[in-house]
């Protein structure tokens, strides 16, 4: 995303210089907010959001994200 969204965080707690927030969302593509949702672009250019790729469950030492489920 290149424009602000309502769900875009403004800052993280205990991150006074905003370094963790910037590294979390802007490190891959500087100037572009990357939220880590798995998305499929359909032929009609609609989007299907499958789930968060950066959240994990750890069940019996097997890590999986909601997109895996």
PDB file of N, CA and C in Angstrom:
ATOM      1  N   UNK A   1       0.852  -1.172   0.000  1.00  0.00           N
ATOM      2  CA  UNK A   1       0.000   0.000   0.000  1.00  0.00           C
ATOM      3  C   UNK A   1       0.898   1.234   0.000  1.00  0.00           C
ATOM      4  N   UNK A   2       0.514   2.192  -0.778  1.00  0.00           N
ATOM      5  CA  UNK A   2       1.306   3.421  -0.833  1.00  0.00           C
ATOM      6  C   UNK A   2       0.593   4.619  -0.205  1.00  0.00           C
ATOM      7  N   UNK A   3      -0.652   4.410   0.246  1.00  0.00           N
ATOM      8  CA  UNK A   3      -1.397   5.481   0.924  1.00  0.00           C
ATOM      9  C   UNK A   3      -1.837   4.969   2.292  1.00  0.00           C
ATOM     10  N   UNK A   4      -2.000   5.853   3.282  1.00  0.00           N
ATOM     11  CA  UNK A   4      -2.404   5.411   4.620  1.00  0.00           C
ATOM     12  C   UNK A   4      -3.757   4.700   4.621  1.00  0.00           C
ATOM     13  N   UNK A   5      -3.876   3.723   5.514  1.00  0.00           N
ATOM     14  CA  UNK A   5      -5.116   2.980   5.717  1.00  0.00           C
ATOM     15  C   UNK A   5      -5.530   3.108   7.176  1.00  0.00           C
ATOM     16  N   UNK A   6      -6.811   2.921   7.496  1.00  0.00           N
ATOM     17  CA  UNK A   6      -7.228   2.978   8.907  1.00  0.00           C
ATOM     18  C   UNK A   6      -6.537   1.940   9.782  1.00  0.00           C
ATOM     19  N   UNK A   7      -6.195   0.778   9.244  1.00  0.00           N
ATOM     20  CA  UNK A   7      -5.585  -0.267  10.066  1.00  0.00           C
ATOM     21  C   UNK A   7      -4.065  -0.151  10.148  1.00  0.00           C
ATOM     22  N   UNK A   8      -3.474   0.824   9.500  1.00  0.00           N
ATOM     23  CA  UNK A   8      -2.022   0.994   9.534  1.00  0.00           C
ATOM     24  C   UNK A   8      -1.600   1.521  10.910  1.00  0.00           C
ATOM     25  N   UNK A   9      -0.662   0.839  11.588  1.00  0.00           N
ATOM     26  CA  UNK A   9      -0.238   1.316  12.906  1.00  0.00           C
ATOM     27  C   UNK A   9       0.558   2.610  12.787  1.00  0.00           C
ATOM     28  N   UNK A  10       0.403   3.473  13.783  1.00  0.00           N
ATOM     29  CA  UNK A  10       1.161   4.717  13.809  1.00  0.00           C
ATOM     30  C   UNK A  10       2.524   4.525  14.445  1.00  0.00           C
ATOM     31  N   UNK A  11       2.582   3.633  15.452  1.00  0.00           N
ATOM     32  CA  UNK A  11       3.838   3.365  16.143  1.00  0.00           C
ATOM     33  C   UNK A  11       3.681   2.107  16.996  1.00  0.00           C
ATOM     34  N   UNK A  12       4.794   1.583  17.464  1.00  0.00           N
ATOM     35  CA  UNK A  12       4.800   0.455  18.394  1.00  0.00           C
ATOM     36  C   UNK A  12       5.115   0.984  19.797  1.00  0.00           C
ATOM     37  N   UNK A  13       4.655   0.284  20.813  1.00  0.00           N
ATOM     38  CA  UNK A  13       4.989   0.622  22.191  1.00  0.00           C
ATOM     39  C   UNK A  13       6.484   0.384  22.398  1.00  0.00           C
ATOM     40  N   UNK A  14       7.121   1.256  23.135  1.00  0.00           N
ATOM     41  CA  UNK A  14       8.558   1.184  23.433  1.00  0.00           C
ATOM     42  C   UNK A  14       9.408   1.217  22.167  1.00  0.00           C
ATOM     43  N   UNK A  15       8.994   1.986  21.186  1.00  0.00           N
ATOM     44  CA  UNK A  15       9.734   2.172  19.935  1.00  0.00           C
ATOM     45  C   UNK A  15       9.793   3.675  19.644  1.00  0.00           C
ATOM     46  N   UNK A  16      10.497   4.449  20.516  1.00  0.00           N
ATOM     47  CA  UNK A  16      10.427   5.912  20.434  1.00  0.00           C
ATOM     48  C   UNK A  16      10.930   6.491  19.107  1.00  0.00           C
ATOM     49  N   UNK A  17      11.841   5.844  18.440  1.00  0.00           N
ATOM     50  CA  UNK A  17      12.342   6.365  17.163  1.00  0.00           C
ATOM     51  C   UNK A  17      11.676   5.695  15.966  1.00  0.00           C
ATOM     52  N   UNK A  18      10.652   4.860  16.229  1.00  0.00           N
ATOM     53  CA  UNK A  18       9.852   4.205  15.195  1.00  0.00           C
ATOM     54  C   UNK A  18      10.650   3.204  14.347  1.00  0.00           C
ATOM     55  N   UNK A  19      11.771   2.734  14.846  1.00  0.00           N
ATOM     56  CA  UNK A  19      12.618   1.818  14.074  1.00  0.00           C
ATOM     57  C   UNK A  19      11.986   0.433  13.901  1.00  0.00           C
ATOM     58  N   UNK A  20      11.394  -0.116  14.965  1.00  0.00           N
ATOM     59  CA  UNK A  20      10.769  -1.447  14.858  1.00  0.00           C
ATOM     60  C   UNK A  20       9.572  -1.425  13.917  1.00  0.00           C
ATOM     61  N   UNK A  21       8.766  -0.386  14.009  1.00  0.00           N
ATOM     62  CA  UNK A  21       7.596  -0.267  13.144  1.00  0.00           C
ATOM     63  C   UNK A  21       8.019  -0.164  11.681  1.00  0.00           C
ATOM     64  N   UNK A  22       8.990   0.685  11.389  1.00  0.00           N
ATOM     65  CA  UNK A  22       9.461   0.827  10.007  1.00  0.00           C
ATOM     66  C   UNK A  22      10.079  -0.465   9.494  1.00  0.00           C
ATOM     67  N   UNK A  23      10.854  -1.143  10.342  1.00  0.00           N
ATOM     68  CA  UNK A  23      11.474  -2.407   9.923  1.00  0.00           C
ATOM     69  C   UNK A  23      10.430  -3.496   9.693  1.00  0.00           C
ATOM     70  N   UNK A  24       9.348  -3.464  10.463  1.00  0.00           N
ATOM     71  CA  UNK A  24       8.315  -4.492  10.328  1.00  0.00           C
ATOM     72  C   UNK A  24       7.495  -4.344   9.056  1.00  0.00           C
ATOM     73  N   UNK A  25       7.230  -3.130   8.638  1.00  0.00           N
ATOM     74  CA  UNK A  25       6.301  -2.916   7.534  1.00  0.00           C
ATOM     75  C   UNK A  25       6.913  -2.327   6.266  1.00  0.00           C
ATOM     76  N   UNK A  26       8.099  -1.722   6.355  1.00  0.00           N
ATOM     77  CA  UNK A  26       8.666  -1.038   5.193  1.00  0.00           C
ATOM     78  C   UNK A  26      10.035  -1.556   4.779  1.00  0.00           C
ATOM     79  N   UNK A  27      10.523  -2.657   5.364  1.00  0.00           N
ATOM     80  CA  UNK A  27      11.884  -3.105   5.071  1.00  0.00           C
ATOM     81  C   UNK A  27      12.018  -3.758   3.697  1.00  0.00           C
ATOM     82  N   UNK A  28      11.008  -4.439   3.207  1.00  0.00           N
ATOM     83  CA  UNK A  28      11.099  -5.151   1.926  1.00  0.00           C
ATOM     84  C   UNK A  28      11.020  -4.181   0.748  1.00  0.00           C
ATOM     85  N   UNK A  29      10.077  -3.266   0.803  1.00  0.00           N
ATOM     86  CA  UNK A  29       9.870  -2.284  -0.278  1.00  0.00           C
ATOM     87  C   UNK A  29       9.809  -0.894   0.353  1.00  0.00           C
ATOM     88  N   UNK A  30      10.922  -0.173   0.413  1.00  0.00           N
ATOM     89  CA  UNK A  30      10.914   1.156   1.038  1.00  0.00           C
ATOM     90  C   UNK A  30       9.842   2.063   0.425  1.00  0.00           C
ATOM     91  N   UNK A  31       9.074   2.706   1.302  1.00  0.00           N
ATOM     92  CA  UNK A  31       8.011   3.596   0.874  1.00  0.00           C
ATOM     93  C   UNK A  31       6.693   2.905   0.592  1.00  0.00           C
ATOM     94  N   UNK A  32       6.671   1.571   0.676  1.00  0.00           N
ATOM     95  CA  UNK A  32       5.445   0.811   0.431  1.00  0.00           C
ATOM     96  C   UNK A  32       5.144  -0.011   1.674  1.00  0.00           C
ATOM     97  N   UNK A  33       3.964   0.149   2.237  1.00  0.00           N
ATOM     98  CA  UNK A  33       3.572  -0.581   3.445  1.00  0.00           C
ATOM     99  C   UNK A  33       3.200  -2.003   3.067  1.00  0.00           C
ATOM    100  N   UNK A  34       3.879  -2.967   3.691  1.00  0.00           N
ATOM    101  CA  UNK A  34       3.623  -4.384   3.447  1.00  0.00           C
ATOM    102  C   UNK A  34       3.109  -4.997   4.743  1.00  0.00           C
ATOM    103  N   UNK A  35       1.860  -5.456   4.724  1.00  0.00           N
ATOM    104  CA  UNK A  35       1.173  -5.879   5.946  1.00  0.00           C
ATOM    105  C   UNK A  35       1.296  -7.373   6.230  1.00  0.00           C
ATOM    106  N   UNK A  36       1.781  -8.156   5.286  1.00  0.00           N
ATOM    107  CA  UNK A  36       1.986  -9.599   5.454  1.00  0.00           C
ATOM    108  C   UNK A  36       0.702 -10.409   5.414  1.00  0.00           C
ATOM    109  N   UNK A  37      -0.257 -10.017   4.610  1.00  0.00           N
ATOM    110  CA  UNK A  37      -1.404 -10.877   4.336  1.00  0.00           C
ATOM    111  C   UNK A  37      -1.120 -11.644   3.052  1.00  0.00           C
ATOM    112  N   UNK A  38      -1.535 -12.899   3.018  1.00  0.00           N
ATOM    113  CA  UNK A  38      -1.439 -13.660   1.772  1.00  0.00           C
ATOM    114  C   UNK A  38      -2.633 -13.280   0.921  1.00  0.00           C
ATOM    115  N   UNK A  39      -2.374 -12.797  -0.284  1.00  0.00           N
ATOM    116  CA  UNK A  39      -3.423 -12.303  -1.162  1.00  0.00           C
ATOM    117  C   UNK A  39      -3.282 -12.945  -2.534  1.00  0.00           C
ATOM    118  N   UNK A  40      -4.408 -13.299  -3.125  1.00  0.00           N
ATOM    119  CA  UNK A  40      -4.447 -13.784  -4.500  1.00  0.00           C
ATOM    120  C   UNK A  40      -5.179 -12.748  -5.336  1.00  0.00           C
ATOM    121  N   UNK A  41      -4.557 -12.342  -6.451  1.00  0.00           N
ATOM    122  CA  UNK A  41      -5.197 -11.409  -7.371  1.00  0.00           C
ATOM    123  C   UNK A  41      -5.929 -12.231  -8.425  1.00  0.00           C
ATOM    124  N   UNK A  42      -7.221 -12.046  -8.506  1.00  0.00           N
ATOM    125  CA  UNK A  42      -8.058 -12.780  -9.442  1.00  0.00           C
ATOM    126  C   UNK A  42      -8.003 -12.136 -10.838  1.00  0.00           C
ATOM    127  N   UNK A  43      -8.402 -12.862 -11.889  1.00  0.00           N
ATOM    128  CA  UNK A  43      -8.369 -12.299 -13.249  1.00  0.00           C
ATOM    129  C   UNK A  43      -9.143 -10.984 -13.403  1.00  0.00           C
ATOM    130  N   UNK A  44     -10.206 -10.790 -12.602  1.00  0.00           N
ATOM    131  CA  UNK A  44     -10.964  -9.538 -12.693  1.00  0.00           C
ATOM    132  C   UNK A  44     -10.370  -8.440 -11.811  1.00  0.00           C
ATOM    133  N   UNK A  45      -9.152  -8.693 -11.279  1.00  0.00           N
ATOM    134  CA  UNK A  45      -8.387  -7.781 -10.418  1.00  0.00           C
ATOM    135  C   UNK A  45      -8.974  -7.620  -9.019  1.00  0.00           C
ATOM    136  N   UNK A  46      -9.917  -8.474  -8.643  1.00  0.00           N
ATOM    137  CA  UNK A  46     -10.360  -8.496  -7.251  1.00  0.00           C
ATOM    138  C   UNK A  46      -9.316  -9.258  -6.435  1.00  0.00           C
ATOM    139  N   UNK A  47      -9.339  -9.084  -5.120  1.00  0.00           N
ATOM    140  CA  UNK A  47      -8.363  -9.714  -4.238  1.00  0.00           C
ATOM    141  C   UNK A  47      -9.047 -10.676  -3.288  1.00  0.00           C
ATOM    142  N   UNK A  48      -8.407 -11.813  -3.051  1.00  0.00           N
ATOM    143  CA  UNK A  48      -8.859 -12.772  -2.050  1.00  0.00           C
ATOM    144  C   UNK A  48      -7.788 -12.803  -0.968  1.00  0.00           C
ATOM    145  N   UNK A  49      -8.150 -12.374   0.251  1.00  0.00           N
ATOM    146  CA  UNK A  49      -7.209 -12.354   1.366  1.00  0.00           C
ATOM    147  C   UNK A  49      -7.330 -13.683   2.104  1.00  0.00           C
ATOM    148  N   UNK A  50      -6.249 -14.482   2.077  1.00  0.00           N
ATOM    149  CA  UNK A  50      -6.276 -15.821   2.669  1.00  0.00           C
ATOM    150  C   UNK A  50      -5.981 -15.798   4.162  1.00  0.00           C
ATOM    151  N   UNK A  51      -5.205 -14.852   4.634  1.00  0.00           N
ATOM    152  CA  UNK A  51      -4.896 -14.792   6.064  1.00  0.00           C
ATOM    153  C   UNK A  51      -3.543 -14.176   6.315  1.00  0.00           C
ATOM    154  N   UNK A  52      -3.270 -13.906   7.577  1.00  0.00           N
ATOM    155  CA  UNK A  52      -2.008 -13.301   7.962  1.00  0.00           C
ATOM    156  C   UNK A  52      -0.877 -14.290   7.790  1.00  0.00           C
ATOM    157  N   UNK A  53       0.217 -13.848   7.226  1.00  0.00           N
ATOM    158  CA  UNK A  53       1.377 -14.710   7.055  1.00  0.00           C
ATOM    159  C   UNK A  53       2.381 -14.538   8.178  1.00  0.00           C
ATOM    160  N   UNK A  54       2.228 -13.500   8.994  1.00  0.00           N
ATOM    161  CA  UNK A  54       3.219 -13.259  10.040  1.00  0.00           C
ATOM    162  C   UNK A  54       2.763 -13.689  11.429  1.00  0.00           C
ATOM    163  N   UNK A  55       1.564 -14.214  11.563  1.00  0.00           N
ATOM    164  CA  UNK A  55       1.106 -14.758  12.842  1.00  0.00           C
ATOM    165  C   UNK A  55       1.269 -16.270  12.809  1.00  0.00           C
ATOM    166  N   UNK A  56       1.716 -16.845  13.905  1.00  0.00           N
ATOM    167  CA  UNK A  56       1.938 -18.285  13.903  1.00  0.00           C
ATOM    168  C   UNK A  56       1.307 -18.948  15.107  1.00  0.00           C
ATOM    169  N   UNK A  57       0.906 -20.173  14.900  1.00  0.00           N
ATOM    170  CA  UNK A  57       0.493 -21.057  15.979  1.00  0.00           C
ATOM    171  C   UNK A  57       1.618 -22.055  16.162  1.00  0.00           C
ATOM    172  N   UNK A  58       1.859 -22.456  17.366  1.00  0.00           N
ATOM    173  CA  UNK A  58       2.912 -23.427  17.619  1.00  0.00           C
ATOM    174  C   UNK A  58       2.273 -24.594  18.361  1.00  0.00           C
ATOM    175  N   UNK A  59       1.915 -25.598  17.616  1.00  0.00           N
ATOM    176  CA  UNK A  59       1.259 -26.776  18.189  1.00  0.00           C
ATOM    177  C   UNK A  59       2.228 -27.939  18.132  1.00  0.00           C
ATOM    178  N   UNK A  60       2.691 -28.398  19.293  1.00  0.00           N
ATOM    179  CA  UNK A  60       3.622 -29.529  19.390  1.00  0.00           C
ATOM    180  C   UNK A  60       4.847 -29.316  18.505  1.00  0.00           C
ATOM    181  N   UNK A  61       5.404 -28.092  18.568  1.00  0.00           N
ATOM    182  CA  UNK A  61       6.623 -27.691  17.860  1.00  0.00           C
ATOM    183  C   UNK A  61       6.439 -27.580  16.355  1.00  0.00           C
ATOM    184  N   UNK A  62       5.206 -27.553  15.883  1.00  0.00           N
ATOM    185  CA  UNK A  62       4.927 -27.334  14.463  1.00  0.00           C
ATOM    186  C   UNK A  62       4.370 -25.923  14.331  1.00  0.00           C
ATOM    187  N   UNK A  63       5.102 -25.085  13.622  1.00  0.00           N
ATOM    188  CA  UNK A  63       4.678 -23.702  13.465  1.00  0.00           C
ATOM    189  C   UNK A  63       3.885 -23.556  12.175  1.00  0.00           C
ATOM    190  N   UNK A  64       2.718 -22.893  12.262  1.00  0.00           N
ATOM    191  CA  UNK A  64       1.936 -22.636  11.062  1.00  0.00           C
ATOM    192  C   UNK A  64       1.209 -21.315  11.222  1.00  0.00           C
ATOM    193  N   UNK A  65       1.032 -20.622  10.117  1.00  0.00           N
ATOM    194  CA  UNK A  65       0.291 -19.376  10.136  1.00  0.00           C
ATOM    195  C   UNK A  65      -1.143 -19.617   9.710  1.00  0.00           C
ATOM    196  N   UNK A  66      -1.965 -18.603   9.909  1.00  0.00           N
ATOM    197  CA  UNK A  66      -3.362 -18.746   9.538  1.00  0.00           C
ATOM    198  C   UNK A  66      -3.531 -18.967   8.034  1.00  0.00           C
ATOM    199  N   UNK A  67      -2.599 -18.468   7.233  1.00  0.00           N
ATOM    200  CA  UNK A  67      -2.681 -18.698   5.788  1.00  0.00           C
ATOM    201  C   UNK A  67      -2.461 -20.165   5.456  1.00  0.00           C
ATOM    202  N   UNK A  68      -1.700 -20.884   6.293  1.00  0.00           N
ATOM    203  CA  UNK A  68      -1.476 -22.313   6.071  1.00  0.00           C
ATOM    204  C   UNK A  68      -2.728 -23.121   6.355  1.00  0.00           C
ATOM    205  N   UNK A  69      -3.547 -22.659   7.284  1.00  0.00           N
ATOM    206  CA  UNK A  69      -4.745 -23.388   7.669  1.00  0.00           C
ATOM    207  C   UNK A  69      -5.777 -23.257   6.587  1.00  0.00           C
TER     208      UNK A  69
END
